[in-house]
Amino acid sequence: MIPVIDLEPGRPDLERKIAEEISEACRNTGFFVVRGHGIASEVFDDAYAASLRFFALTPETKDAFAMRTSNARGESDYSPYGYSALLSENAFAYTGKPGMPSDYVEKFSVGRLILHDDEELPFPADELGARLRAALKRYFAACETVAGQIAELLALALDLPRDFFATRTDTSNDSLRSHLYPGVDPQFLNDQGMGQHTDGTLITLLTQDGPGLQLQDRSGRWLDIDVQERDSFIVNIGDLMARWSNDEYVSTPHRVRLADRQRQSIVFFKLANDDTVIECFPKFAADRPAKYAPIRYEDFSLQKMNLLFGREEAR
């Protein structure tokens, strides 16, 4: 059972206690559940309902809004906007394991530009598209708030300035992906909703409407994460926190197995500013060498995305 942590908004007297609970969870499993975050239930309801309406469209209609892997903002820039069909992505590739099966999941993705209504993004030009865009915008903004609260508590636990992570993530190209997993099907080659991987994030926030998500504990066992409430965030730290902490905080492998029914989830990825240097905090290298060389986030991210989309290094 992963820890359940209440953020207790409006209780500054509990900050240190909550920060230590989060820190302990990051050391033990890298996963925890967050409640008491103050986000209204309709933010979740609207995002799930609007996403499901989009996924119910015909394949031809959805493919008209296919996600582009890069855009005009730069040769090495990846654009997290639009639709990804079943089997179009492979989570194993993201971790440098080519030749593995692709994932049985549909996705609709957005990034920080969703916060700007005047940006042209790949949404249907009708009432459905307007509702989807508005719902995902609200959900994205809510996740930014919760991720910021968690990052500040992590800074507190690590005896860093409260704004340490805030100043290194304030222009990060964060992304949000709404997922639809089909139920198991005898025609499928396997029950892989999403292959084993770790996240290249600072923090990941996930909600779901049913079982399927699993984490791998340190003994190698796969454990189900079955959180019933759709408005409870399942939080995991990613590779950035593992690098900063010299693996004292664990970026835990996880995967999704298909269930006997359709499953939705929405995942928010909190990243870092392109110019942020990810390097081991001195306190975690006092009695052992740093495992990872310092790296700019832009270079780290580009390596990951090139693996995911099968592109050669862009520079």
Foldseek 3Di string as FASTA:
>chain_A
DQAEAELPPPCPVCLLVRLVSQLVSLQFALKYKYDNLPDDPVLLVLLVVLVVVLVPDDPVVQVVFAADQADPVDPLHGAFAGKDAAQRWAQVLLVPDPPDGGAGKIKGKHWPCLLPPPDDGRFDPDPSRVSNSVSVNSVQVSVVSSVLSSQLSNCVNVVHPSCPQVVFQVPPGKMKMKMKGFADDPVDPFQFNHDKDFDQAQKKWKFKQAKFKWWQGPVRDTDIDGDHDRPMIIMGGGDLVCQQQLNSRPRTIMGGGHHRGMMIMMMIGRHTDQQDKRHYDCVNPVPHHRPDDIDGRVVVVSVSSCSTNVHDRPD
